[in-house]
Amino acid sequence: MLEIEKTALPDVLILTPRRFGDDRGFFSESWNRKRMAEAGIDIDFVQDNHSLSAKVGTVRGLHFQAPPMAQDKLVRCGRGRLYDVAVDVRRGSPTYGRWVGVELSFENGRQLLVPKGFLHGFVTREPDTEIVYKCSDYYSPECDGAVRWNDANIGIDWGISESDAILSDKDAVAQSLADFDSPFVYDGAQ
């Protein structure tokens, strides 16, 4: 059983797999291609990534990978807690520049499906937070890019002050949304 919730951005979904537990712990099927396809989610994931953020307030994003190597991502929290964000950057989309954020934690087992055409980022809420995510294409440094995490035109409420954010050098100098020439185009289907 899989619970699928729509968000304020109809293409961004929250997936919560069922957990089967007892006094030893739990078992959960986090991805099943057949069940996902039956639910209308037909994505061929080719790469799994796993990252650890040691400190609370670590911000990673807002990242994208441009065509022809654009990626759908299915993000979950393996340990700890994070606030995960997706931003629509598909030119012509009625929700262009809008964002949605969801708390993902080890405890809640939720996953966020971030389709191609959306920026992705997160901030950690607990120390030693692990993020595990599937990607529908391989990493390509030539297609990798970022938009500023705290861009006022997007207005994400990260729940932390700018001075408390722990950033990579790449994220600290990312471009603004206004300067971003999006390679993604809205196809009109929702």
Protein backbone atom coordinates (compact mmCIF):
# COMPACT_ATOMS: atom_id res chain seq x y z
CA MET A 1 0.00 0.00 0.00
CA LEU A 2 1.22 3.45 -0.93
CA GLU A 3 -0.33 6.76 0.01
CA ILE A 4 0.01 9.42 -2.72
CA GLU A 5 -0.71 13.06 -1.85
CA LYS A 6 -0.84 15.97 -4.27
CA THR A 7 0.78 19.23 -3.26
CA ALA A 8 0.11 22.85 -4.21
CA LEU A 9 2.24 22.09 -7.29
CA PRO A 10 0.23 19.30 -8.96
CA ASP A 11 3.27 17.56 -10.50
CA VAL A 12 5.11 17.37 -7.17
CA LEU A 13 3.84 14.43 -5.11
CA ILE A 14 4.30 13.15 -1.57
CA LEU A 15 4.59 9.36 -1.47
CA THR A 16 4.29 7.54 1.82
CA PRO A 17 4.96 3.80 1.67
CA ARG A 18 3.31 1.60 4.25
CA ARG A 19 5.50 0.34 7.07
CA PHE A 20 5.07 -3.12 8.56
CA GLY A 21 6.42 -3.13 12.07
CA ASP A 22 6.76 -5.09 15.25
CA ASP A 23 8.94 -4.93 18.34
CA ARG A 24 12.06 -5.53 16.18
CA GLY A 25 11.48 -2.49 13.95
CA PHE A 26 9.80 -2.17 10.56
CA PHE A 27 9.95 -3.13 6.89
CA SER A 28 8.94 -0.76 4.11
CA GLU A 29 9.03 -1.08 0.35
CA SER A 30 10.30 2.38 -0.62
CA TRP A 31 10.13 1.83 -4.39
CA ASN A 32 8.30 -0.67 -6.59
CA ARG A 33 8.24 0.08 -10.33
CA LYS A 34 5.09 -1.98 -10.96
CA ARG A 35 3.09 -0.38 -8.14
CA MET A 36 4.24 3.09 -9.13
CA ALA A 37 3.28 2.51 -12.76
CA GLU A 38 -0.15 1.31 -11.64
CA ALA A 39 -0.46 4.64 -9.78
CA GLY A 40 0.49 6.56 -12.94
CA ILE A 41 4.13 7.17 -11.99
CA ASP A 42 6.23 5.59 -14.72
CA ILE A 43 9.82 6.67 -14.13
CA ASP A 44 12.93 4.68 -14.95
CA PHE A 45 15.31 5.49 -12.11
CA VAL A 46 18.95 4.80 -12.99
CA GLN A 47 20.97 6.20 -10.07
CA ASP A 48 20.65 6.29 -6.28
CA ASN A 49 22.38 9.01 -4.23
CA HIS A 50 22.99 9.17 -0.50
CA SER A 51 24.23 12.26 1.32
CA LEU A 52 24.96 13.07 4.94
CA SER A 53 24.71 16.55 6.41
CA ALA A 54 26.43 16.69 9.79
CA LYS A 55 25.02 19.98 11.08
CA VAL A 56 21.55 21.44 11.58
CA GLY A 57 20.94 24.28 9.11
CA THR A 58 22.85 22.74 6.22
CA VAL A 59 21.21 23.97 3.02
CA ARG A 60 21.74 22.14 -0.25
CA GLY A 61 20.14 23.73 -3.29
CA LEU A 62 18.34 24.95 -5.16
CA HIS A 63 19.75 22.51 -7.71
CA PHE A 64 18.78 21.34 -11.17
CA GLN A 65 20.22 19.28 -13.96
CA ALA A 66 19.39 20.67 -17.41
CA PRO A 67 18.31 18.69 -20.48
CA PRO A 68 19.38 16.46 -22.04
CA MET A 69 20.33 15.02 -18.62
CA ALA A 70 17.37 16.41 -16.63
CA GLN A 71 16.38 14.33 -13.63
CA ASP A 72 13.21 13.30 -11.86
CA LYS A 73 14.08 12.72 -8.19
CA LEU A 74 12.43 10.69 -5.46
CA VAL A 75 13.79 11.98 -2.14
CA ARG A 76 13.53 10.42 1.29
CA CYS A 77 15.21 10.82 4.66
CA GLY A 78 17.23 7.82 5.85
CA ARG A 79 18.04 9.32 9.25
CA GLY A 80 17.18 12.57 10.98
CA ARG A 81 14.86 15.24 9.62
CA LEU A 82 14.89 17.75 6.77
CA TYR A 83 12.68 20.29 5.04
CA ASP A 84 12.58 19.43 1.33
CA VAL A 85 11.63 22.01 -1.32
CA ALA A 86 10.67 21.96 -5.00
CA VAL A 87 10.32 25.10 -7.16
CA ASP A 88 8.60 25.15 -10.56
CA VAL A 89 10.93 26.63 -13.21
CA ARG A 90 9.16 25.44 -16.38
CA ARG A 91 8.78 28.39 -18.74
CA GLY A 92 5.08 28.96 -19.47
CA SER A 93 3.88 27.10 -16.38
CA PRO A 94 1.00 28.72 -14.47
CA THR A 95 2.94 27.94 -11.27
CA TYR A 96 6.35 29.21 -12.47
CA GLY A 97 8.45 30.39 -9.52
CA ARG A 98 6.13 28.87 -6.92
CA TRP A 99 7.45 26.43 -4.35
CA VAL A 100 6.26 23.69 -2.06
CA GLY A 101 8.03 22.38 1.03
CA VAL A 102 7.55 19.13 2.95
CA GLU A 103 9.14 17.77 6.10
CA LEU A 104 10.78 14.42 5.45
CA SER A 105 12.05 12.40 8.38
CA PHE A 106 13.08 8.92 9.32
CA GLU A 107 9.99 8.79 11.52
CA ASN A 108 7.36 9.88 8.98
CA GLY A 109 8.76 7.84 6.06
CA ARG A 110 7.49 10.36 3.52
CA GLN A 111 9.13 10.80 0.13
CA LEU A 112 8.96 13.77 -2.24
CA LEU A 113 8.74 13.20 -5.98
CA VAL A 114 10.44 16.17 -7.69
CA PRO A 115 9.93 16.03 -11.48
CA LYS A 116 12.15 17.42 -14.21
CA GLY A 117 11.63 21.16 -14.52
CA PHE A 118 11.70 21.81 -10.79
CA LEU A 119 14.54 23.12 -8.66
CA HIS A 120 15.28 20.98 -5.62
CA GLY A 121 16.77 21.83 -2.26
CA PHE A 122 16.58 21.06 1.43
CA VAL A 123 17.65 22.23 4.87
CA THR A 124 18.52 19.85 7.68
CA ARG A 125 16.58 20.03 10.95
CA GLU A 126 18.63 17.49 12.94
CA PRO A 127 22.34 16.67 13.13
CA ASP A 128 23.65 13.81 10.99
CA THR A 129 20.69 13.84 8.63
CA GLU A 130 20.90 11.40 5.74
CA ILE A 131 19.16 12.01 2.42
CA VAL A 132 18.62 9.15 0.00
CA TYR A 133 17.24 9.82 -3.46
CA LYS A 134 16.66 8.14 -6.78
CA CYS A 135 17.39 9.93 -10.08
CA SER A 136 16.00 9.22 -13.55
CA ASP A 137 19.24 10.18 -15.31
CA TYR A 138 22.93 10.06 -14.53
CA TYR A 139 24.79 12.98 -12.97
CA SER A 140 26.35 15.26 -15.57
CA PRO A 141 28.63 18.12 -14.39
CA GLU A 142 28.04 19.94 -17.71
CA CYS A 143 24.27 20.06 -17.04
CA ASP A 144 24.47 20.83 -13.31
CA GLY A 145 23.29 24.20 -12.02
CA ALA A 146 21.81 26.11 -9.10
CA VAL A 147 19.55 29.03 -8.25
CA ARG A 148 20.00 31.03 -5.05
CA TRP A 149 18.38 29.27 -2.08
CA ASN A 150 17.20 32.54 -0.49
CA ASP A 151 16.04 34.33 -3.65
CA ALA A 152 13.45 36.93 -2.62
CA ASN A 153 11.49 36.37 -5.84
CA ILE A 154 10.84 32.78 -4.74
CA GLY A 155 10.39 33.56 -1.04
CA ILE A 156 10.94 30.13 0.51
CA ASP A 157 10.43 30.02 4.26
CA TRP A 158 13.30 27.71 5.23
CA GLY A 159 12.71 28.14 8.95
CA ILE A 160 16.24 29.43 9.54
CA SER A 161 17.96 32.81 9.34
CA GLU A 162 20.32 33.50 6.46
CA SER A 163 23.21 33.84 8.90
CA ASP A 164 22.55 30.32 10.28
CA ALA A 165 22.57 28.64 6.85
CA ILE A 166 25.54 26.37 6.14
CA LEU A 167 26.23 26.49 2.40
CA SER A 168 28.64 25.06 -0.14
CA ASP A 169 30.70 27.54 -2.16
CA LYS A 170 28.58 26.67 -5.22
CA ASP A 171 25.30 27.40 -3.43
CA ALA A 172 26.63 30.61 -1.86
CA VAL A 173 27.21 32.17 -5.31
CA ALA A 174 24.23 30.65 -7.19
CA GLN A 175 22.35 32.84 -9.66
CA SER A 176 19.05 34.57 -8.96
CA LEU A 177 15.77 33.35 -10.43
CA ALA A 178 15.58 36.58 -12.47
CA ASP A 179 18.95 35.78 -14.08
CA PHE A 180 18.08 32.11 -14.63
CA ASP A 181 17.39 31.25 -18.30
CA SER A 182 15.36 28.13 -17.65
CA PRO A 183 15.95 25.27 -20.09
CA PHE A 184 12.64 23.69 -19.00
CA VAL A 185 9.35 24.24 -20.83
CA TYR A 186 5.87 23.55 -19.49
CA ASP A 187 4.07 21.06 -21.73
CA GLY A 188 0.58 21.94 -20.52
CA ALA A 189 -0.21 18.51 -19.05
CA GLN A 190 -1.08 18.37 -15.36
